[in-house]
Protein backbone atom coordinates (compact mmCIF):
# COMPACT_ATOMS: atom_id res chain seq x y z
CA MET A 1 19.46 -1.43 101.09
CA LYS A 2 16.86 -4.07 100.17
CA SER A 3 16.85 -5.15 96.58
CA THR A 4 13.71 -4.79 94.51
CA PRO A 5 12.94 -6.15 91.02
CA ALA A 6 13.07 -2.70 89.48
CA LEU A 7 16.54 -2.01 91.03
CA ALA A 8 17.75 -5.46 89.91
CA ALA A 9 16.59 -4.78 86.36
CA ALA A 10 18.26 -1.32 86.31
CA CYS A 11 21.61 -2.84 87.49
CA LEU A 12 21.47 -5.60 84.83
CA ALA A 13 20.77 -2.95 82.14
CA LEU A 14 23.70 -0.81 83.35
CA PHE A 15 26.02 -3.92 83.41
CA ALA A 16 25.03 -4.82 79.88
CA ALA A 17 25.63 -1.26 78.64
CA LEU A 18 29.07 -1.30 80.13
CA LEU A 19 29.96 -4.57 78.41
CA ALA A 20 28.45 -3.60 75.00
CA PRO A 21 31.10 -2.61 72.35
CA LEU A 22 31.57 0.99 71.60
CA PRO A 23 30.06 2.16 68.24
CA ALA A 24 32.55 2.41 65.46
CA ALA A 25 33.83 5.89 64.67
CA GLU A 26 32.59 7.33 61.34
CA THR A 27 35.23 7.58 58.67
CA PRO A 28 36.04 11.30 58.38
CA VAL A 29 35.56 13.01 55.03
CA GLU A 30 38.79 14.02 53.44
CA SER A 31 39.27 17.75 53.83
CA GLY A 32 38.52 19.77 50.79
CA TRP A 33 36.87 17.04 48.72
CA ILE A 34 33.37 17.49 47.25
CA SER A 35 31.14 14.54 46.36
CA LEU A 36 29.71 15.01 42.79
CA PHE A 37 27.34 12.07 43.26
CA ASN A 38 24.94 11.73 46.17
CA GLY A 39 24.52 8.01 45.95
CA ARG A 40 20.72 8.17 45.57
CA ASP A 41 19.87 9.74 42.25
CA LEU A 42 21.25 11.77 39.27
CA ASP A 43 20.74 15.15 40.97
CA GLY A 44 23.47 17.54 39.56
CA TRP A 45 23.93 15.52 36.34
CA VAL A 46 22.55 15.90 32.84
CA PRO A 47 22.23 12.95 30.38
CA LYS A 48 22.85 13.45 26.63
CA VAL A 49 22.49 10.42 24.35
CA ALA A 50 23.19 10.77 20.57
CA LYS A 51 19.93 11.07 18.57
CA HIS A 52 18.14 12.37 21.66
CA PRO A 53 17.88 15.85 23.22
CA ALA A 54 19.99 16.88 26.19
CA GLY A 55 18.26 16.00 29.50
CA GLU A 56 16.54 12.88 28.10
CA ASN A 57 17.80 9.74 29.78
CA TYR A 58 16.91 7.52 26.78
CA ALA A 59 15.99 3.97 27.81
CA ASP A 60 17.14 4.60 31.41
CA THR A 61 20.75 4.44 30.12
CA PHE A 62 22.01 6.03 33.38
CA ARG A 63 20.54 4.66 36.59
CA VAL A 64 21.43 4.62 40.29
CA GLU A 65 21.38 1.34 42.12
CA ASP A 66 23.08 0.40 45.41
CA GLY A 67 24.85 3.75 45.58
CA VAL A 68 26.39 3.28 42.12
CA ILE A 69 25.81 5.01 38.73
CA LYS A 70 25.27 2.22 36.23
CA VAL A 71 25.34 2.42 32.48
CA ALA A 72 22.93 -0.20 31.31
CA TYR A 73 21.46 -1.34 27.85
CA ASP A 74 18.76 -3.86 28.84
CA LYS A 75 16.08 -1.55 27.55
CA TYR A 76 17.74 -0.75 24.18
CA PRO A 77 16.26 -2.59 21.14
CA ALA A 78 19.72 -2.01 19.50
CA PHE A 79 22.59 0.27 20.29
CA ALA A 80 22.45 1.95 16.83
CA GLU A 81 25.37 4.28 17.56
CA GLN A 82 23.54 6.04 20.41
CA PHE A 83 26.71 7.02 22.26
CA GLY A 84 25.92 8.74 25.53
CA HIS A 85 27.43 10.80 28.28
CA LEU A 86 26.34 11.97 31.72
CA TYR A 87 27.47 15.60 32.41
CA THR A 88 28.01 17.53 35.48
CA LEU A 89 25.59 20.40 35.68
CA LEU A 90 28.49 22.83 36.37
CA PRO A 91 31.83 23.39 34.58
CA TYR A 92 35.15 23.14 36.38
CA SER A 93 38.63 24.48 35.72
CA HIS A 94 41.30 23.67 38.36
CA TYR A 95 40.65 20.40 40.30
CA ILE A 96 41.52 16.78 41.05
CA LEU A 97 38.82 14.30 40.02
CA ARG A 98 38.64 10.89 41.63
CA LEU A 99 36.27 8.10 40.80
CA GLU A 100 36.17 4.34 40.46
CA TYR A 101 34.86 2.36 37.42
CA ARG A 102 34.01 -1.23 36.85
CA PHE A 103 33.24 -2.90 33.55
CA THR A 104 30.61 -5.68 33.80
CA GLY A 105 28.42 -7.71 31.50
CA THR A 106 28.64 -7.83 27.75
CA PRO A 107 28.76 -5.02 25.19
CA MET A 108 25.94 -4.47 22.72
CA ALA A 109 26.10 -6.81 19.78
CA ASP A 110 25.78 -4.06 17.13
CA ALA A 111 28.37 -1.75 18.69
CA PRO A 112 31.49 -0.92 16.74
CA PRO A 113 34.36 -3.36 17.66
CA TRP A 114 36.49 -0.57 19.16
CA ALA A 115 33.70 0.54 21.55
CA LYS A 116 33.50 -2.80 23.24
CA TYR A 117 35.04 -2.95 26.84
CA ASN A 118 35.64 0.85 26.30
CA SER A 119 34.41 3.76 28.34
CA GLY A 120 35.90 6.86 30.01
CA VAL A 121 35.46 10.21 31.73
CA MET A 122 35.60 13.45 29.78
CA VAL A 123 37.08 16.69 31.12
CA HIS A 124 36.96 20.27 29.75
CA SER A 125 33.84 19.15 27.91
CA GLN A 126 31.43 21.32 26.09
CA SER A 127 27.97 21.73 27.62
CA PRO A 128 25.50 19.05 26.69
CA TYR A 129 23.10 21.89 25.73
CA SER A 130 25.57 23.14 23.13
CA MET A 131 25.56 19.76 21.29
CA THR A 132 23.44 18.91 18.24
CA VAL A 133 20.88 16.11 18.65
CA GLU A 134 22.82 13.68 16.50
CA GLN A 135 26.35 14.56 17.98
CA PRO A 136 27.92 11.36 19.41
CA TRP A 137 30.77 12.96 21.47
CA PRO A 138 31.28 16.37 23.02
CA ALA A 139 34.39 18.35 22.17
CA SER A 140 36.44 17.33 25.29
CA LEU A 141 39.43 15.36 26.56
CA GLU A 142 38.74 11.75 27.47
CA CYS A 143 40.57 9.72 30.12
CA GLN A 144 39.84 6.39 28.44
CA PHE A 145 38.95 3.29 30.36
CA LEU A 146 39.68 -0.08 28.76
CA ALA A 147 39.15 -3.66 29.98
CA VAL A 148 40.53 -7.01 29.00
CA GLY A 149 38.95 -8.02 25.64
CA THR A 150 39.10 -4.56 24.07
CA THR A 151 40.58 -3.91 20.62
CA ALA A 152 40.94 -0.21 21.31
CA GLY A 153 44.28 -0.16 23.07
CA ARG A 154 46.80 -1.99 25.28
CA GLN A 155 46.26 -0.21 28.60
CA THR A 156 43.75 1.92 30.46
CA GLY A 157 44.15 5.66 31.09
CA ASN A 158 44.87 6.86 27.54
CA VAL A 159 43.77 10.26 26.27
CA CYS A 160 41.31 10.59 23.39
CA THR A 161 40.64 14.00 21.80
CA PRO A 162 37.24 14.37 20.24
CA GLY A 163 37.17 17.85 18.74
CA THR A 164 40.37 18.81 20.54
CA ASN A 165 44.16 18.86 20.24
CA LEU A 166 46.91 19.15 22.80
CA VAL A 167 50.58 19.45 23.58
CA PHE A 168 52.49 16.24 24.50
CA ASN A 169 56.12 16.20 25.61
CA GLY A 170 56.46 19.81 24.45
CA LYS A 171 55.06 19.21 20.96
CA PHE A 172 51.69 20.14 19.48
CA THR A 173 49.87 17.10 18.23
CA THR A 174 46.67 16.33 16.42
CA ASP A 175 46.78 12.58 17.18
CA HIS A 176 43.37 11.36 18.35
CA ILE A 177 44.75 8.95 20.92
CA LEU A 178 47.92 9.18 23.07
CA GLU A 179 48.79 6.03 24.92
CA ALA A 180 49.32 5.88 28.68
CA THR A 181 52.35 4.08 30.12
CA GLY A 182 52.64 1.98 33.30
CA SER A 183 49.03 0.77 33.37
CA THR A 184 47.34 -2.49 32.23
CA LEU A 185 43.96 -3.45 30.83
CA SER A 186 41.45 -3.72 33.74
CA PRO A 187 39.85 -7.20 34.28
CA LEU A 188 36.08 -7.38 33.91
CA ASP A 189 34.20 -6.86 37.20
CA ALA A 190 37.16 -5.31 38.98
CA TRP A 191 36.94 -1.77 40.45
CA VAL A 192 39.69 0.59 39.20
CA ALA A 193 40.60 3.84 40.82
CA VAL A 194 41.10 6.90 38.54
CA GLU A 195 42.44 10.36 39.26
CA VAL A 196 42.54 13.18 36.72
CA GLU A 197 44.29 16.30 37.85
CA VAL A 198 43.39 19.39 35.89
CA HIS A 199 45.19 22.74 35.94
CA GLY A 200 43.06 24.82 33.52
CA ASN A 201 44.84 25.15 30.28
CA ASP A 202 48.30 24.48 31.74
CA GLU A 203 48.35 20.74 32.38
CA VAL A 204 46.29 17.56 32.77
CA ILE A 205 47.55 14.41 34.57
CA HIS A 206 46.01 10.89 34.50
CA ARG A 207 46.58 8.37 37.34
CA ILE A 208 45.36 4.85 37.53
CA ASN A 209 45.32 3.11 40.88
CA GLY A 210 47.55 5.94 42.33
CA VAL A 211 50.20 5.73 39.56
CA GLU A 212 50.72 8.53 37.00
CA VAL A 213 50.29 7.12 33.54
CA LEU A 214 50.05 10.26 31.36
CA ARG A 215 50.42 14.01 31.37
CA TYR A 216 49.81 16.66 28.62
CA SER A 217 49.29 20.43 28.40
CA HIS A 218 47.56 23.25 26.52
CA PRO A 219 44.33 21.47 25.44
CA GLN A 220 42.57 23.37 22.75
CA LEU A 221 39.61 23.05 20.26
CA ASP A 222 40.35 21.56 16.93
CA PRO A 223 39.27 24.00 14.15
CA ARG A 224 39.10 21.11 11.74
CA GLU A 225 36.31 19.30 13.60
CA PRO A 226 32.59 20.28 13.20
CA SER A 227 31.70 20.37 16.93
CA ALA A 228 34.69 22.60 17.67
CA GLN A 229 33.99 24.74 14.61
CA ALA A 230 30.47 25.37 15.96
CA LEU A 231 31.85 26.34 19.37
CA LEU A 232 34.39 28.62 17.87
CA ALA A 233 31.84 30.24 15.65
CA ARG A 234 29.80 31.09 18.80
CA GLY A 235 32.78 32.78 20.40
CA ALA A 236 34.36 29.97 22.47
CA PRO A 237 38.12 30.48 23.06
CA LEU A 238 40.53 28.21 21.18
CA GLN A 239 42.39 27.32 24.33
CA LEU A 240 40.43 25.13 26.70
CA ALA A 241 40.68 26.17 30.39
CA SER A 242 37.45 24.80 31.82
CA GLY A 243 34.49 22.60 30.99
CA HIS A 244 32.15 19.97 32.17
CA ILE A 245 32.95 16.47 33.45
CA ALA A 246 31.10 13.63 31.67
CA LEU A 247 30.87 9.90 32.27
CA GLN A 248 30.83 7.90 29.14
CA ALA A 249 28.38 5.26 27.78
CA GLU A 250 29.79 3.68 24.60
CA SER A 251 27.73 0.35 24.36
CA GLN A 252 29.45 -1.46 27.32
CA PRO A 253 27.76 -1.75 30.68
CA VAL A 254 29.96 0.03 33.20
CA TRP A 255 29.51 1.26 36.81
CA PHE A 256 30.83 4.38 38.51
CA ARG A 257 31.15 5.22 42.19
CA ASN A 258 33.00 7.47 44.66
CA ILE A 259 32.93 10.44 42.28
CA ARG A 260 34.74 13.22 44.19
CA LEU A 261 36.35 16.49 43.30
CA ARG A 262 38.86 18.74 45.12
CA PRO A 263 39.17 22.32 43.78
CA LEU A 264 42.72 23.66 43.23
CA GLU A 265 43.89 27.09 43.45
CA LYS A 266 44.54 28.78 40.04
């Protein structure tokens, strides 16, 4: 058969297609995991900054850039104890939460010394809409994140208990901070993987970079603390079995990404 320019061009195109590399296969999503952050905006999240009403993202504290939730203070005239949190719209009870955090930049100059290089994620948190305007922290359990340079602790992954108490090693305790073991302070600008496994009121487990660093049980509201008193007066149960998840803003720029949740059976 006589060759024609059109036939020759078609043959060259077919040959090029055969030599071209195959497209990379997409990474499969892990079965059972739900993304809590869409990578584009704060849909599904509610900001609450102390001294401002729930839903107001004061000074653009929480923003999304390059697929990351960033806590930033470049629009603050001063920190002025305006502690903030970014809450899931929905509460959760039995689940595994995974996320990564990264401390970056410098803390606000007028922040309390202990708040510098300090952040965290709250679980079993009260709703942002149940908080007073002035309230700095929700009644909740905090998996605390600390970086090199902090004065707040010696490792990351501790538990802090604003408005709550818990049982540790079989004993009820009212200590505000229980220290993790087996972790270190994260360096500035390094991504750190966190996992919090929550079994309602039965047990909570903290893991840092895949290693268990703390576990405790039977979290409950603290009747001595004003935010807990207000919740109890409105009929909230003493024992905490569910609540919102909240990312913390405590004066230190910090980034969050890959925020995922896997529901667990009760």
